[in-house]
C-alpha atoms as a PDB file:
ATOM      1  CA  UNK A   1      67.371  49.724 -66.395  1.00  0.00           C
ATOM      2  CA  UNK A   2      63.886  49.249 -67.710  1.00  0.00           C
ATOM      3  CA  UNK A   3      62.519  52.045 -69.897  1.00  0.00           C
ATOM      4  CA  UNK A   4      65.418  54.338 -69.006  1.00  0.00           C
ATOM      5  CA  UNK A   5      67.634  52.452 -71.457  1.00  0.00           C
ATOM      6  CA  UNK A   6      65.576  53.586 -74.420  1.00  0.00           C
ATOM      7  CA  UNK A   7      64.995  57.121 -73.174  1.00  0.00           C
ATOM      8  CA  UNK A   8      66.831  59.946 -74.900  1.00  0.00           C
ATOM      9  CA  UNK A   9      69.997  61.454 -73.504  1.00  0.00           C
ATOM     10  CA  UNK A  10      71.964  59.932 -70.659  1.00  0.00           C
ATOM     11  CA  UNK A  11      71.022  56.745 -68.910  1.00  0.00           C
ATOM     12  CA  UNK A  12      69.299  57.281 -65.580  1.00  0.00           C
ATOM     13  CA  UNK A  13      68.410  55.268 -62.508  1.00  0.00           C
ATOM     14  CA  UNK A  14      70.871  52.402 -62.830  1.00  0.00           C
ATOM     15  CA  UNK A  15      72.996  50.651 -60.263  1.00  0.00           C
ATOM     16  CA  UNK A  16      76.754  50.243 -60.469  1.00  0.00           C
ATOM     17  CA  UNK A  17      77.816  46.936 -58.975  1.00  0.00           C
ATOM     18  CA  UNK A  18      80.851  47.372 -56.749  1.00  0.00           C
ATOM     19  CA  UNK A  19      83.845  45.089 -56.910  1.00  0.00           C
ATOM     20  CA  UNK A  20      85.635  43.548 -53.924  1.00  0.00           C
ATOM     21  CA  UNK A  21      89.053  44.347 -55.393  1.00  0.00           C
ATOM     22  CA  UNK A  22      88.603  47.715 -57.138  1.00  0.00           C
ATOM     23  CA  UNK A  23      88.134  51.242 -55.799  1.00  0.00           C
ATOM     24  CA  UNK A  24      84.609  52.432 -55.186  1.00  0.00           C
ATOM     25  CA  UNK A  25      83.073  55.337 -57.066  1.00  0.00           C
ATOM     26  CA  UNK A  26      82.518  58.468 -55.002  1.00  0.00           C
ATOM     27  CA  UNK A  27      80.074  57.972 -52.142  1.00  0.00           C
ATOM     28  CA  UNK A  28      77.455  60.695 -52.518  1.00  0.00           C
ATOM     29  CA  UNK A  29      75.201  62.308 -49.925  1.00  0.00           C
ATOM     30  CA  UNK A  30      72.145  60.585 -51.335  1.00  0.00           C
ATOM     31  CA  UNK A  31      72.308  57.097 -52.824  1.00  0.00           C
ATOM     32  CA  UNK A  32      69.043  57.756 -54.672  1.00  0.00           C
ATOM     33  CA  UNK A  33      70.478  60.443 -56.973  1.00  0.00           C
ATOM     34  CA  UNK A  34      70.361  59.593 -60.656  1.00  0.00           C
ATOM     35  CA  UNK A  35      73.254  57.371 -61.761  1.00  0.00           C
ATOM     36  CA  UNK A  36      74.850  57.304 -58.288  1.00  0.00           C
ATOM     37  CA  UNK A  37      73.251  54.138 -56.938  1.00  0.00           C
ATOM     38  CA  UNK A  38      75.847  51.572 -55.964  1.00  0.00           C
ATOM     39  CA  UNK A  39      74.942  47.913 -55.729  1.00  0.00           C
ATOM     40  CA  UNK A  40      76.432  45.427 -53.277  1.00  0.00           C
ATOM     41  CA  UNK A  41      79.115  43.255 -54.974  1.00  0.00           C
ATOM     42  CA  UNK A  42      77.263  39.946 -54.591  1.00  0.00           C
ATOM     43  CA  UNK A  43      73.688  40.622 -53.522  1.00  0.00           C
ATOM     44  CA  UNK A  44      71.150  42.401 -55.701  1.00  0.00           C
ATOM     45  CA  UNK A  45      70.505  45.399 -53.441  1.00  0.00           C
ATOM     46  CA  UNK A  46      71.746  48.912 -52.766  1.00  0.00           C
ATOM     47  CA  UNK A  47      74.370  49.602 -50.112  1.00  0.00           C
ATOM     48  CA  UNK A  48      73.326  50.002 -46.514  1.00  0.00           C
ATOM     49  CA  UNK A  49      74.366  52.937 -44.341  1.00  0.00           C
ATOM     50  CA  UNK A  50      76.970  50.675 -42.694  1.00  0.00           C
ATOM     51  CA  UNK A  51      78.425  49.563 -46.028  1.00  0.00           C
ATOM     52  CA  UNK A  52      78.645  53.151 -47.261  1.00  0.00           C
ATOM     53  CA  UNK A  53      80.401  54.123 -44.022  1.00  0.00           C
ATOM     54  CA  UNK A  54      82.855  51.255 -44.426  1.00  0.00           C
ATOM     55  CA  UNK A  55      83.773  52.499 -47.935  1.00  0.00           C
ATOM     56  CA  UNK A  56      84.557  55.880 -46.351  1.00  0.00           C
ATOM     57  CA  UNK A  57      86.773  53.973 -43.857  1.00  0.00           C
ATOM     58  CA  UNK A  58      84.707  54.753 -40.755  1.00  0.00           C
ATOM     59  CA  UNK A  59      85.275  52.247 -37.943  1.00  0.00           C
ATOM     60  CA  UNK A  60      82.486  49.665 -37.720  1.00  0.00           C
ATOM     61  CA  UNK A  61      81.456  50.939 -34.268  1.00  0.00           C
ATOM     62  CA  UNK A  62      81.056  54.583 -35.399  1.00  0.00           C
ATOM     63  CA  UNK A  63      77.595  55.925 -34.532  1.00  0.00           C
ATOM     64  CA  UNK A  64      75.669  58.168 -36.907  1.00  0.00           C
ATOM     65  CA  UNK A  65      72.636  60.065 -35.626  1.00  0.00           C
ATOM     66  CA  UNK A  66      69.452  61.182 -37.329  1.00  0.00           C
ATOM     67  CA  UNK A  67      67.275  59.781 -40.079  1.00  0.00           C
ATOM     68  CA  UNK A  68      68.586  57.357 -42.690  1.00  0.00           C
ATOM     69  CA  UNK A  69      68.743  60.253 -45.150  1.00  0.00           C
ATOM     70  CA  UNK A  70      70.770  62.273 -42.635  1.00  0.00           C
ATOM     71  CA  UNK A  71      73.161  59.361 -42.103  1.00  0.00           C
ATOM     72  CA  UNK A  72      73.824  58.982 -45.830  1.00  0.00           C
ATOM     73  CA  UNK A  73      74.422  62.748 -46.011  1.00  0.00           C
ATOM     74  CA  UNK A  74      76.913  62.645 -43.122  1.00  0.00           C
ATOM     75  CA  UNK A  75      78.803  59.787 -44.790  1.00  0.00           C
ATOM     76  CA  UNK A  76      78.835  61.385 -48.248  1.00  0.00           C
ATOM     77  CA  UNK A  77      80.083  64.753 -46.978  1.00  0.00           C
ATOM     78  CA  UNK A  78      83.344  63.520 -45.450  1.00  0.00           C
ATOM     79  CA  UNK A  79      86.876  63.276 -46.668  1.00  0.00           C
ATOM     80  CA  UNK A  80      87.624  59.561 -46.332  1.00  0.00           C
ATOM     81  CA  UNK A  81      88.646  58.963 -42.717  1.00  0.00           C
ATOM     82  CA  UNK A  82      92.020  57.350 -43.439  1.00  0.00           C
ATOM     83  CA  UNK A  83      92.940  60.067 -45.946  1.00  0.00           C
ATOM     84  CA  UNK A  84      92.025  62.792 -43.439  1.00  0.00           C
ATOM     85  CA  UNK A  85      94.149  61.035 -40.812  1.00  0.00           C
ATOM     86  CA  UNK A  86      97.194  60.895 -43.115  1.00  0.00           C
ATOM     87  CA  UNK A  87      96.834  64.571 -44.015  1.00  0.00           C
ATOM     88  CA  UNK A  88      96.569  65.448 -40.313  1.00  0.00           C
ATOM     89  CA  UNK A  89      99.651  63.378 -39.439  1.00  0.00           C
ATOM     90  CA  UNK A  90     101.667  65.037 -42.221  1.00  0.00           C
ATOM     91  CA  UNK A  91     100.581  68.530 -41.157  1.00  0.00           C
ATOM     92  CA  UNK A  92     101.446  67.790 -37.522  1.00  0.00           C
ATOM     93  CA  UNK A  93     104.877  66.502 -38.534  1.00  0.00           C
ATOM     94  CA  UNK A  94     105.501  69.659 -40.575  1.00  0.00           C
ATOM     95  CA  UNK A  95     104.461  71.874 -37.642  1.00  0.00           C
ATOM     96  CA  UNK A  96     106.821  69.927 -35.373  1.00  0.00           C
ATOM     97  CA  UNK A  97     109.639  70.412 -37.876  1.00  0.00           C
ATOM     98  CA  UNK A  98     109.889  66.748 -38.823  1.00  0.00           C
ATOM     99  CA  UNK A  99     111.106  65.744 -42.270  1.00  0.00           C
ATOM    100  CA  UNK A 100     108.404  65.333 -44.921  1.00  0.00           C
ATOM    101  CA  UNK A 101     107.975  61.825 -46.335  1.00  0.00           C
ATOM    102  CA  UNK A 102     109.519  62.655 -49.691  1.00  0.00           C
ATOM    103  CA  UNK A 103     110.939  65.383 -51.866  1.00  0.00           C
ATOM    104  CA  UNK A 104     107.719  65.692 -53.870  1.00  0.00           C
ATOM    105  CA  UNK A 105     105.645  66.208 -50.731  1.00  0.00           C
ATOM    106  CA  UNK A 106     107.999  68.935 -49.440  1.00  0.00           C
ATOM    107  CA  UNK A 107     107.972  70.729 -52.791  1.00  0.00           C
ATOM    108  CA  UNK A 108     104.187  70.627 -53.023  1.00  0.00           C
ATOM    109  CA  UNK A 109     103.705  71.835 -49.460  1.00  0.00           C
ATOM    110  CA  UNK A 110     106.168  74.686 -49.991  1.00  0.00           C
ATOM    111  CA  UNK A 111     103.661  76.233 -52.406  1.00  0.00           C
ATOM    112  CA  UNK A 112     101.436  77.074 -49.434  1.00  0.00           C
ATOM    113  CA  UNK A 113     104.051  79.421 -47.965  1.00  0.00           C
ATOM    114  CA  UNK A 114     104.174  81.689 -51.033  1.00  0.00           C
END
């Protein structure tokens, strides 16, 4: 952390080392923002575009276009791919009249029809 450790107020410009077996912090649109830098679990380096995309559950062959900054922004602005898929599947099932997965889900979704 260098001199930032002794600076007043909050700590800035530090890396958070990720763990192989714990959830990741939120992937932001810019890995260079203060206190949002995530470090690879083993190596002493920030995450690559590909590693950030993998955290967001993009398939490994997904293609991002634009500058590196634009790619990080695209990755940080998404709802995690697998979560979006599950929400879409549940909404489709509801539109088709299929039973919701559980009582709690049906009760929560019924709030939208008020």
